Amino acid sequence: MYNYEIILYWSNDDEAFIAEVPELPGCMADGKTRKEAVENAEQIIQEWLETAKDEGRPIPTPRGRLMYA
């Protein structure tokens, strides 16, 4: 489990929930339900981190809550 912030919202265009991980550029996933979107995001976080490590890119330290409503 990673402690990166996940922003979750409904997209009318995609007709799906979107889960964005702002600390990891380009890291996002979708799902038909909130739960599915978050589960998919967790998988994509893992893949993002593995790719960054393999390519020698820096891996950001999770900062916790980034945005306030």
PDB file of N, CA and C in Angstrom:
ATOM      1  N   MET A   1       0.842  -1.183   0.000  1.00  0.00           N
ATOM      2  CA  MET A   1       0.000   0.000   0.000  1.00  0.00           C
ATOM      3  C   MET A   1       0.883   1.240   0.000  1.00  0.00           C
ATOM      4  N   TYR A   2       0.536   2.175  -0.842  1.00  0.00           N
ATOM      5  CA  TYR A   2       1.286   3.406  -0.949  1.00  0.00           C
ATOM      6  C   TYR A   2       0.449   4.545  -0.400  1.00  0.00           C
ATOM      7  N   ASN A   3       1.085   5.556   0.114  1.00  0.00           N
ATOM      8  CA  ASN A   3       0.383   6.664   0.754  1.00  0.00           C
ATOM      9  C   ASN A   3       0.292   7.903  -0.123  1.00  0.00           C
ATOM     10  N   TYR A   4       0.145   7.713  -1.411  1.00  0.00           N
ATOM     11  CA  TYR A   4      -0.032   8.845  -2.309  1.00  0.00           C
ATOM     12  C   TYR A   4      -1.496   9.254  -2.322  1.00  0.00           C
ATOM     13  N   GLU A   5      -1.721  10.553  -2.393  1.00  0.00           N
ATOM     14  CA  GLU A   5      -3.083  11.070  -2.455  1.00  0.00           C
ATOM     15  C   GLU A   5      -3.730  10.620  -3.766  1.00  0.00           C
ATOM     16  N   ILE A   6      -4.983  10.198  -3.685  1.00  0.00           N
ATOM     17  CA  ILE A   6      -5.774   9.838  -4.862  1.00  0.00           C
ATOM     18  C   ILE A   6      -6.984  10.763  -4.887  1.00  0.00           C
ATOM     19  N   ILE A   7      -7.148  11.470  -5.989  1.00  0.00           N
ATOM     20  CA  ILE A   7      -8.312  12.331  -6.176  1.00  0.00           C
ATOM     21  C   ILE A   7      -9.312  11.555  -7.026  1.00  0.00           C
ATOM     22  N   LEU A   8     -10.516  11.416  -6.524  1.00  0.00           N
ATOM     23  CA  LEU A   8     -11.537  10.596  -7.167  1.00  0.00           C
ATOM     24  C   LEU A   8     -12.710  11.466  -7.581  1.00  0.00           C
ATOM     25  N   TYR A   9     -13.147  11.330  -8.837  1.00  0.00           N
ATOM     26  CA  TYR A   9     -14.304  12.097  -9.303  1.00  0.00           C
ATOM     27  C   TYR A   9     -15.011  11.347 -10.428  1.00  0.00           C
ATOM     28  N   TRP A  10     -16.249  11.731 -10.685  1.00  0.00           N
ATOM     29  CA  TRP A  10     -17.045  11.152 -11.756  1.00  0.00           C
ATOM     30  C   TRP A  10     -16.819  11.940 -13.045  1.00  0.00           C
ATOM     31  N   SER A  11     -16.626  11.242 -14.156  1.00  0.00           N
ATOM     32  CA  SER A  11     -16.473  11.875 -15.459  1.00  0.00           C
ATOM     33  C   SER A  11     -17.678  11.524 -16.328  1.00  0.00           C
ATOM     34  N   ASN A  12     -18.481  12.537 -16.664  1.00  0.00           N
ATOM     35  CA  ASN A  12     -19.611  12.297 -17.562  1.00  0.00           C
ATOM     36  C   ASN A  12     -19.134  11.866 -18.949  1.00  0.00           C
ATOM     37  N   ASP A  13     -18.038  12.453 -19.405  1.00  0.00           N
ATOM     38  CA  ASP A  13     -17.508  12.110 -20.728  1.00  0.00           C
ATOM     39  C   ASP A  13     -17.118  10.635 -20.817  1.00  0.00           C
ATOM     40  N   ASP A  14     -16.479  10.132 -19.772  1.00  0.00           N
ATOM     41  CA  ASP A  14     -16.016   8.745 -19.759  1.00  0.00           C
ATOM     42  C   ASP A  14     -17.046   7.778 -19.189  1.00  0.00           C
ATOM     43  N   GLU A  15     -18.070   8.336 -18.542  1.00  0.00           N
ATOM     44  CA  GLU A  15     -19.067   7.530 -17.836  1.00  0.00           C
ATOM     45  C   GLU A  15     -18.387   6.542 -16.881  1.00  0.00           C
ATOM     46  N   ALA A  16     -17.448   7.097 -16.108  1.00  0.00           N
ATOM     47  CA  ALA A  16     -16.684   6.291 -15.163  1.00  0.00           C
ATOM     48  C   ALA A  16     -16.131   7.196 -14.068  1.00  0.00           C
ATOM     49  N   PHE A  17     -15.736   6.566 -12.964  1.00  0.00           N
ATOM     50  CA  PHE A  17     -15.015   7.281 -11.915  1.00  0.00           C
ATOM     51  C   PHE A  17     -13.548   7.362 -12.343  1.00  0.00           C
ATOM     52  N   ILE A  18     -12.935   8.507 -12.129  1.00  0.00           N
ATOM     53  CA  ILE A  18     -11.533   8.738 -12.455  1.00  0.00           C
ATOM     54  C   ILE A  18     -10.773   8.901 -11.149  1.00  0.00           C
ATOM     55  N   ALA A  19      -9.642   8.231 -11.042  1.00  0.00           N
ATOM     56  CA  ALA A  19      -8.769   8.322  -9.868  1.00  0.00           C
ATOM     57  C   ALA A  19      -7.424   8.863 -10.338  1.00  0.00           C
ATOM     58  N   GLU A  20      -7.092  10.080  -9.927  1.00  0.00           N
ATOM     59  CA  GLU A  20      -5.830  10.713 -10.298  1.00  0.00           C
ATOM     60  C   GLU A  20      -4.878  10.709  -9.109  1.00  0.00           C
ATOM     61  N   VAL A  21      -3.585  10.546  -9.414  1.00  0.00           N
ATOM     62  CA  VAL A  21      -2.545  10.574  -8.389  1.00  0.00           C
ATOM     63  C   VAL A  21      -1.635  11.761  -8.726  1.00  0.00           C
ATOM     64  N   PRO A  22      -1.921  12.945  -8.174  1.00  0.00           N
ATOM     65  CA  PRO A  22      -1.227  14.168  -8.603  1.00  0.00           C
ATOM     66  C   PRO A  22       0.286  14.177  -8.363  1.00  0.00           C
ATOM     67  N   GLU A  23       0.767  13.431  -7.391  1.00  0.00           N
ATOM     68  CA  GLU A  23       2.203  13.427  -7.108  1.00  0.00           C
ATOM     69  C   GLU A  23       3.001  12.615  -8.119  1.00  0.00           C
ATOM     70  N   LEU A  24       2.302  11.775  -8.908  1.00  0.00           N
ATOM     71  CA  LEU A  24       2.964  10.942  -9.902  1.00  0.00           C
ATOM     72  C   LEU A  24       2.444  11.351 -11.280  1.00  0.00           C
ATOM     73  N   PRO A  25       3.167  12.180 -12.000  1.00  0.00           N
ATOM     74  CA  PRO A  25       2.686  12.725 -13.268  1.00  0.00           C
ATOM     75  C   PRO A  25       2.173  11.641 -14.224  1.00  0.00           C
ATOM     76  N   GLY A  26       0.955  11.867 -14.720  1.00  0.00           N
ATOM     77  CA  GLY A  26       0.348  10.943 -15.673  1.00  0.00           C
ATOM     78  C   GLY A  26      -0.263   9.704 -15.055  1.00  0.00           C
ATOM     79  N   CYS A  27      -0.209   9.589 -13.751  1.00  0.00           N
ATOM     80  CA  CYS A  27      -0.716   8.400 -13.065  1.00  0.00           C
ATOM     81  C   CYS A  27      -2.198   8.586 -12.757  1.00  0.00           C
ATOM     82  N   MET A  28      -3.021   7.827 -13.475  1.00  0.00           N
ATOM     83  CA  MET A  28      -4.459   7.881 -13.252  1.00  0.00           C
ATOM     84  C   MET A  28      -5.091   6.583 -13.726  1.00  0.00           C
ATOM     85  N   ALA A  29      -6.297   6.323 -13.234  1.00  0.00           N
ATOM     86  CA  ALA A  29      -7.028   5.114 -13.594  1.00  0.00           C
ATOM     87  C   ALA A  29      -8.511   5.431 -13.578  1.00  0.00           C
ATOM     88  N   ASP A  30      -9.295   4.489 -14.059  1.00  0.00           N
ATOM     89  CA  ASP A  30     -10.742   4.670 -14.020  1.00  0.00           C
ATOM     90  C   ASP A  30     -11.403   3.384 -13.568  1.00  0.00           C
ATOM     91  N   GLY A  31     -12.718   3.466 -13.364  1.00  0.00           N
ATOM     92  CA  GLY A  31     -13.489   2.299 -12.970  1.00  0.00           C
ATOM     93  C   GLY A  31     -14.970   2.602 -13.008  1.00  0.00           C
ATOM     94  N   LYS A  32     -15.771   1.566 -13.113  1.00  0.00           N
ATOM     95  CA  LYS A  32     -17.225   1.736 -13.145  1.00  0.00           C
ATOM     96  C   LYS A  32     -17.776   2.120 -11.780  1.00  0.00           C
ATOM     97  N   THR A  33     -17.031   1.777 -10.714  1.00  0.00           N
ATOM     98  CA  THR A  33     -17.418   2.143  -9.351  1.00  0.00           C
ATOM     99  C   THR A  33     -16.246   2.867  -8.688  1.00  0.00           C
ATOM    100  N   ARG A  34     -16.544   3.535  -7.572  1.00  0.00           N
ATOM    101  CA  ARG A  34     -15.471   4.196  -6.816  1.00  0.00           C
ATOM    102  C   ARG A  34     -14.413   3.178  -6.400  1.00  0.00           C
ATOM    103  N   LYS A  35     -14.891   2.060  -5.880  1.00  0.00           N
ATOM    104  CA  LYS A  35     -13.981   1.014  -5.399  1.00  0.00           C
ATOM    105  C   LYS A  35     -13.082   0.518  -6.528  1.00  0.00           C
ATOM    106  N   GLU A  36     -13.658   0.265  -7.685  1.00  0.00           N
ATOM    107  CA  GLU A  36     -12.888  -0.227  -8.819  1.00  0.00           C
ATOM    108  C   GLU A  36     -11.849   0.806  -9.263  1.00  0.00           C
ATOM    109  N   ALA A  37     -12.225   2.072  -9.292  1.00  0.00           N
ATOM    110  CA  ALA A  37     -11.285   3.126  -9.697  1.00  0.00           C
ATOM    111  C   ALA A  37     -10.105   3.211  -8.735  1.00  0.00           C
ATOM    112  N   VAL A  38     -10.376   3.124  -7.432  1.00  0.00           N
ATOM    113  CA  VAL A  38      -9.299   3.184  -6.441  1.00  0.00           C
ATOM    114  C   VAL A  38      -8.409   1.944  -6.541  1.00  0.00           C
ATOM    115  N   GLU A  39      -9.009   0.765  -6.697  1.00  0.00           N
ATOM    116  CA  GLU A  39      -8.216  -0.460  -6.848  1.00  0.00           C
ATOM    117  C   GLU A  39      -7.332  -0.386  -8.085  1.00  0.00           C
ATOM    118  N   ASN A  40      -7.884   0.120  -9.181  1.00  0.00           N
ATOM    119  CA  ASN A  40      -7.097   0.269 -10.405  1.00  0.00           C
ATOM    120  C   ASN A  40      -5.981   1.286 -10.208  1.00  0.00           C
ATOM    121  N   ALA A  41      -6.261   2.363  -9.493  1.00  0.00           N
ATOM    122  CA  ALA A  41      -5.239   3.370  -9.218  1.00  0.00           C
ATOM    123  C   ALA A  41      -4.101   2.784  -8.387  1.00  0.00           C
ATOM    124  N   GLU A  42      -4.422   1.958  -7.419  1.00  0.00           N
ATOM    125  CA  GLU A  42      -3.381   1.336  -6.596  1.00  0.00           C
ATOM    126  C   GLU A  42      -2.467   0.463  -7.450  1.00  0.00           C
ATOM    127  N   GLN A  43      -3.040  -0.244  -8.412  1.00  0.00           N
ATOM    128  CA  GLN A  43      -2.239  -1.065  -9.321  1.00  0.00           C
ATOM    129  C   GLN A  43      -1.356  -0.181 -10.203  1.00  0.00           C
ATOM    130  N   ILE A  44      -1.931   0.901 -10.708  1.00  0.00           N
ATOM    131  CA  ILE A  44      -1.177   1.806 -11.580  1.00  0.00           C
ATOM    132  C   ILE A  44      -0.069   2.513 -10.808  1.00  0.00           C
ATOM    133  N   ILE A  45      -0.309   2.845  -9.541  1.00  0.00           N
ATOM    134  CA  ILE A  45       0.750   3.436  -8.706  1.00  0.00           C
ATOM    135  C   ILE A  45       1.939   2.483  -8.650  1.00  0.00           C
ATOM    136  N   GLN A  46       1.662   1.224  -8.388  1.00  0.00           N
ATOM    137  CA  GLN A  46       2.732   0.224  -8.304  1.00  0.00           C
ATOM    138  C   GLN A  46       3.499   0.145  -9.627  1.00  0.00           C
ATOM    139  N   GLU A  47       2.779   0.112 -10.741  1.00  0.00           N
ATOM    140  CA  GLU A  47       3.430   0.042 -12.046  1.00  0.00           C
ATOM    141  C   GLU A  47       4.226   1.313 -12.345  1.00  0.00           C
ATOM    142  N   TRP A  48       3.681   2.479 -11.967  1.00  0.00           N
ATOM    143  CA  TRP A  48       4.373   3.745 -12.172  1.00  0.00           C
ATOM    144  C   TRP A  48       5.705   3.727 -11.424  1.00  0.00           C
ATOM    145  N   LEU A  49       5.661   3.303 -10.156  1.00  0.00           N
ATOM    146  CA  LEU A  49       6.868   3.277  -9.329  1.00  0.00           C
ATOM    147  C   LEU A  49       7.896   2.278  -9.868  1.00  0.00           C
ATOM    148  N   GLU A  50       7.445   1.112 -10.316  1.00  0.00           N
ATOM    149  CA  GLU A  50       8.360   0.110 -10.876  1.00  0.00           C
ATOM    150  C   GLU A  50       9.038   0.646 -12.138  1.00  0.00           C
ATOM    151  N   THR A  51       8.269   1.306 -12.997  1.00  0.00           N
ATOM    152  CA  THR A  51       8.825   1.869 -14.229  1.00  0.00           C
ATOM    153  C   THR A  51       9.834   2.965 -13.911  1.00  0.00           C
ATOM    154  N   ALA A  52       9.487   3.850 -12.977  1.00  0.00           N
ATOM    155  CA  ALA A  52      10.405   4.922 -12.593  1.00  0.00           C
ATOM    156  C   ALA A  52      11.715   4.340 -12.061  1.00  0.00           C
ATOM    157  N   LYS A  53      11.612   3.320 -11.237  1.00  0.00           N
ATOM    158  CA  LYS A  53      12.804   2.690 -10.674  1.00  0.00           C
ATOM    159  C   LYS A  53      13.647   2.063 -11.776  1.00  0.00           C
ATOM    160  N   ASP A  54      12.999   1.337 -12.690  1.00  0.00           N
ATOM    161  CA  ASP A  54      13.715   0.681 -13.788  1.00  0.00           C
ATOM    162  C   ASP A  54      14.423   1.691 -14.685  1.00  0.00           C
ATOM    163  N   GLU A  55      13.840   2.879 -14.851  1.00  0.00           N
ATOM    164  CA  GLU A  55      14.405   3.898 -15.726  1.00  0.00           C
ATOM    165  C   GLU A  55      15.313   4.882 -14.992  1.00  0.00           C
ATOM    166  N   GLY A  56      15.477   4.680 -13.693  1.00  0.00           N
ATOM    167  CA  GLY A  56      16.356   5.539 -12.905  1.00  0.00           C
ATOM    168  C   GLY A  56      15.788   6.920 -12.628  1.00  0.00           C
ATOM    169  N   ARG A  57      14.462   7.065 -12.748  1.00  0.00           N
ATOM    170  CA  ARG A  57      13.829   8.358 -12.464  1.00  0.00           C
ATOM    171  C   ARG A  57      13.604   8.495 -10.958  1.00  0.00           C
ATOM    172  N   PRO A  58      13.591   9.730 -10.453  1.00  0.00           N
ATOM    173  CA  PRO A  58      13.326   9.918  -9.016  1.00  0.00           C
ATOM    174  C   PRO A  58      11.894   9.520  -8.660  1.00  0.00           C
ATOM    175  N   ILE A  59      11.743   8.977  -7.471  1.00  0.00           N
ATOM    176  CA  ILE A  59      10.429   8.589  -6.969  1.00  0.00           C
ATOM    177  C   ILE A  59      10.044   9.559  -5.864  1.00  0.00           C
ATOM    178  N   PRO A  60       8.950  10.310  -6.069  1.00  0.00           N
ATOM    179  CA  PRO A  60       8.529  11.290  -5.059  1.00  0.00           C
ATOM    180  C   PRO A  60       8.133  10.629  -3.739  1.00  0.00           C
ATOM    181  N   THR A  61       8.494  11.272  -2.662  1.00  0.00           N
ATOM    182  CA  THR A  61       8.043  10.832  -1.339  1.00  0.00           C
ATOM    183  C   THR A  61       6.597  11.298  -1.158  1.00  0.00           C
ATOM    184  N   PRO A  62       5.691  10.396  -0.744  1.00  0.00           N
ATOM    185  CA  PRO A  62       4.308  10.827  -0.516  1.00  0.00           C
ATOM    186  C   PRO A  62       4.250  11.962   0.494  1.00  0.00           C
ATOM    187  N   ARG A  63       3.491  13.003   0.175  1.00  0.00           N
ATOM    188  CA  ARG A  63       3.399  14.171   1.045  1.00  0.00           C
ATOM    189  C   ARG A  63       2.104  14.233   1.820  1.00  0.00           C
ATOM    190  N   GLY A  64       1.200  13.314   1.569  1.00  0.00           N
ATOM    191  CA  GLY A  64      -0.088  13.371   2.266  1.00  0.00           C
ATOM    192  C   GLY A  64      -1.030  14.299   1.561  1.00  0.00           C
ATOM    193  N   ARG A  65      -1.933  14.858   2.286  1.00  0.00           N
ATOM    194  CA  ARG A  65      -2.990  15.698   1.712  1.00  0.00           C
ATOM    195  C   ARG A  65      -2.392  16.925   1.029  1.00  0.00           C
ATOM    196  N   LEU A  66      -2.713  17.068  -0.262  1.00  0.00           N
ATOM    197  CA  LEU A  66      -2.167  18.164  -1.046  1.00  0.00           C
ATOM    198  C   LEU A  66      -3.161  19.292  -1.279  1.00  0.00           C
ATOM    199  N   MET A  67      -4.438  18.929  -1.364  1.00  0.00           N
ATOM    200  CA  MET A  67      -5.461  19.921  -1.744  1.00  0.00           C
ATOM    201  C   MET A  67      -6.530  19.990  -0.674  1.00  0.00           C
ATOM    202  N   TYR A  68      -7.122  21.143  -0.562  1.00  0.00           N
ATOM    203  CA  TYR A  68      -8.203  21.337   0.394  1.00  0.00           C
ATOM    204  C   TYR A  68      -9.431  21.835  -0.352  1.00  0.00           C
ATOM    205  N   ALA A  69     -10.574  21.325   0.016  1.00  0.00           N
ATOM    206  CA  ALA A  69     -11.831  21.746  -0.636  1.00  0.00           C
ATOM    207  C   ALA A  69     -12.403  22.949   0.061  1.00  0.00           C
TER     208      ALA A  69
END
